[in-house]
């Protein structure tokens, strides 16, 4: 990635799947990484009703100088996680190319398209351009998949120029 592009990875991880994915993507990109940290743990009901959770700091300010933003998260209750909902409410994606990456336990990747569409709509509403969406398999609920499983999926990503 050239010096004209500045990438930022923004992620939330509960069980470690997305954290492993963010780690591997960062090894490929060599960019800034922002882990969304909740003040109080979000839950299934917040995800189900598309609610946010309070985050530590103002992580949305960390993407100000980015040209490319990678949003990474698990799928909960067939929706975005509360921490990402809050980030999406506050972030300004103007002039940014956004790639959405999700992890879930189901091999058939059920409902990932719906989650990607919802996140993409929020990004577009905040003036961003979604250039890619990717659904990956993580571990079962409460468990992290083997790092190699996560790394192989991230390694297969074709990154934008």
Protein backbone atom coordinates (compact mmCIF):
# COMPACT_ATOMS: atom_id res chain seq x y z
CA UNK A 1 0.00 0.00 0.00
CA UNK A 2 1.51 3.32 -1.02
CA UNK A 3 2.15 6.33 1.17
CA UNK A 4 -0.83 8.15 -0.39
CA UNK A 5 -3.23 5.71 1.29
CA UNK A 6 -3.66 5.49 5.03
CA UNK A 7 -5.51 2.45 6.26
CA UNK A 8 -7.11 1.94 9.66
CA UNK A 9 -8.55 -1.27 11.05
CA UNK A 10 -11.45 -0.79 13.48
CA UNK A 11 -12.58 -3.95 15.21
CA UNK A 12 -14.55 -5.43 18.08
CA UNK A 13 -13.88 -8.93 19.36
CA UNK A 14 -15.46 -10.85 22.22
CA UNK A 15 -14.05 -14.35 21.79
CA UNK A 16 -10.86 -13.54 19.87
CA UNK A 17 -11.84 -14.50 16.31
CA UNK A 18 -12.03 -10.93 15.05
CA UNK A 19 -8.95 -9.94 17.09
CA UNK A 20 -6.98 -12.68 15.31
CA UNK A 21 -8.31 -11.49 11.97
CA UNK A 22 -7.38 -7.87 12.74
CA UNK A 23 -3.91 -8.98 13.82
CA UNK A 24 -3.35 -10.83 10.55
CA UNK A 25 -4.78 -8.03 8.41
CA UNK A 26 -2.50 -5.58 10.19
CA UNK A 27 0.48 -7.84 9.39
CA UNK A 28 -0.47 -7.44 5.73
CA UNK A 29 -1.23 -3.71 5.81
CA UNK A 30 1.04 -2.34 8.54
CA UNK A 31 -1.54 0.22 9.62
CA UNK A 32 -3.22 1.73 12.65
CA UNK A 33 -5.47 -0.67 14.60
CA UNK A 34 -8.31 0.47 16.84
CA UNK A 35 -10.03 -2.00 19.14
CA UNK A 36 -13.47 -0.84 20.23
CA UNK A 37 -13.60 -1.13 24.02
CA UNK A 38 -16.98 -1.10 25.75
CA UNK A 39 -17.48 0.58 29.13
CA UNK A 40 -20.00 -2.16 29.94
CA UNK A 41 -20.24 -5.34 27.88
CA UNK A 42 -22.83 -5.24 25.13
CA UNK A 43 -25.24 -8.13 24.90
CA UNK A 44 -27.40 -10.22 22.60
CA UNK A 45 -30.52 -8.08 23.16
CA UNK A 46 -28.69 -4.86 22.26
CA UNK A 47 -27.54 -6.52 19.04
CA UNK A 48 -31.00 -7.92 18.31
CA UNK A 49 -32.56 -4.46 18.63
CA UNK A 50 -29.63 -2.74 16.86
CA UNK A 51 -28.66 -0.69 19.89
CA UNK A 52 -25.23 0.66 20.72
CA UNK A 53 -23.04 0.43 23.80
CA UNK A 54 -20.94 3.09 25.50
CA UNK A 55 -17.35 2.99 24.35
CA UNK A 56 -14.15 4.11 26.03
CA UNK A 57 -12.84 7.26 24.39
CA UNK A 58 -13.87 8.57 21.00
CA UNK A 59 -12.51 5.95 18.59
CA UNK A 60 -14.32 7.53 15.62
CA UNK A 61 -11.79 10.39 15.77
CA UNK A 62 -9.03 7.87 15.03
CA UNK A 63 -10.15 7.46 11.40
CA UNK A 64 -9.99 11.18 10.53
CA UNK A 65 -6.88 10.90 8.35
CA UNK A 66 -7.69 7.47 6.91
CA UNK A 67 -8.41 6.84 3.26
CA UNK A 68 -9.25 3.17 3.79
CA UNK A 69 -11.15 1.81 6.78
CA UNK A 70 -11.59 -1.87 7.56
CA UNK A 71 -14.56 -2.52 9.86
CA UNK A 72 -14.25 -5.94 11.50
CA UNK A 73 -16.68 -7.59 13.89
CA UNK A 74 -18.47 -10.79 14.82
CA UNK A 75 -22.16 -11.22 14.01
CA UNK A 76 -24.47 -11.40 17.00
CA UNK A 77 -28.18 -12.22 16.78
CA UNK A 78 -27.93 -11.80 12.98
CA UNK A 79 -26.88 -8.17 13.48
CA UNK A 80 -23.92 -5.89 14.04
CA UNK A 81 -22.49 -5.84 17.56
CA UNK A 82 -23.43 -2.97 19.91
CA UNK A 83 -19.89 -1.53 19.92
CA UNK A 84 -19.86 -1.24 16.12
CA UNK A 85 -23.36 0.27 16.14
CA UNK A 86 -22.05 3.07 18.35
CA UNK A 87 -18.97 3.56 16.18
CA UNK A 88 -21.15 3.75 13.06
CA UNK A 89 -23.38 6.37 14.69
CA UNK A 90 -20.46 8.72 15.35
CA UNK A 91 -17.90 8.11 12.60
CA UNK A 92 -17.51 10.42 9.61
CA UNK A 93 -16.66 8.29 6.60
CA UNK A 94 -16.41 11.19 4.14
CA UNK A 95 -13.86 10.39 1.43
CA UNK A 96 -13.14 6.96 2.88
CA UNK A 97 -13.18 3.58 1.18
CA UNK A 98 -14.66 1.05 3.59
CA UNK A 99 -14.30 -2.72 3.66
CA UNK A 100 -16.61 -4.70 5.95
CA UNK A 101 -15.37 -8.00 7.40
CA UNK A 102 -17.49 -10.20 9.67
CA UNK A 103 -16.91 -13.46 11.53
CA UNK A 104 -19.58 -15.91 12.58
CA UNK A 105 -19.95 -19.47 13.76
CA UNK A 106 -22.12 -20.79 10.92
CA UNK A 107 -20.36 -22.37 7.94
CA UNK A 108 -23.22 -21.34 5.64
CA UNK A 109 -22.56 -17.69 6.63
CA UNK A 110 -26.29 -17.18 7.14
CA UNK A 111 -27.48 -13.59 7.46
CA UNK A 112 -24.04 -12.14 6.74
CA UNK A 113 -25.41 -10.39 3.63
CA UNK A 114 -28.07 -8.69 5.75
CA UNK A 115 -25.52 -7.56 8.32
CA UNK A 116 -23.22 -6.26 5.57
CA UNK A 117 -26.13 -4.36 4.00
CA UNK A 118 -27.02 -2.76 7.34
CA UNK A 119 -23.43 -1.70 8.03
CA UNK A 120 -23.01 -0.48 4.43
CA UNK A 121 -26.16 1.64 4.75
CA UNK A 122 -24.77 3.26 7.91
CA UNK A 123 -21.42 3.93 6.21
CA UNK A 124 -23.13 5.48 3.16
CA UNK A 125 -25.36 7.59 5.42
CA UNK A 126 -22.13 8.94 6.95
CA UNK A 127 -20.71 9.71 3.46
CA UNK A 128 -18.46 6.68 3.00
CA UNK A 129 -18.01 4.33 0.05
CA UNK A 130 -18.18 0.59 0.72
CA UNK A 131 -15.75 -1.15 -1.65
CA UNK A 132 -16.00 -4.68 -0.31
CA UNK A 133 -17.70 -7.04 2.11
CA UNK A 134 -16.34 -10.35 3.36
CA UNK A 135 -17.95 -13.00 5.57
CA UNK A 136 -15.68 -15.45 7.36
CA UNK A 137 -16.12 -18.40 9.68
CA UNK A 138 -14.91 -18.05 13.27
CA UNK A 139 -15.30 -20.30 16.27
CA UNK A 140 -18.50 -21.47 17.90
CA UNK A 141 -20.11 -19.04 20.33
CA UNK A 142 -17.79 -18.50 23.27
CA UNK A 143 -14.80 -20.05 21.49
CA UNK A 144 -12.05 -18.82 19.21
CA UNK A 145 -11.27 -20.75 16.05
CA UNK A 146 -7.72 -21.94 15.48
CA UNK A 147 -5.52 -19.01 14.46
CA UNK A 148 -4.61 -20.78 11.21
CA UNK A 149 -8.30 -20.94 10.21
CA UNK A 150 -8.65 -17.19 10.71
CA UNK A 151 -5.28 -16.36 9.11
CA UNK A 152 -6.00 -18.45 6.00
CA UNK A 153 -9.24 -16.55 5.40
CA UNK A 154 -7.57 -13.15 5.87
CA UNK A 155 -4.66 -14.20 3.64
CA UNK A 156 -7.13 -14.97 0.84
CA UNK A 157 -8.43 -11.36 0.85
CA UNK A 158 -7.58 -9.35 -2.23
CA UNK A 159 -6.68 -5.92 -0.91
CA UNK A 160 -7.47 -2.71 -2.82
CA UNK A 161 -4.65 -0.75 -4.42
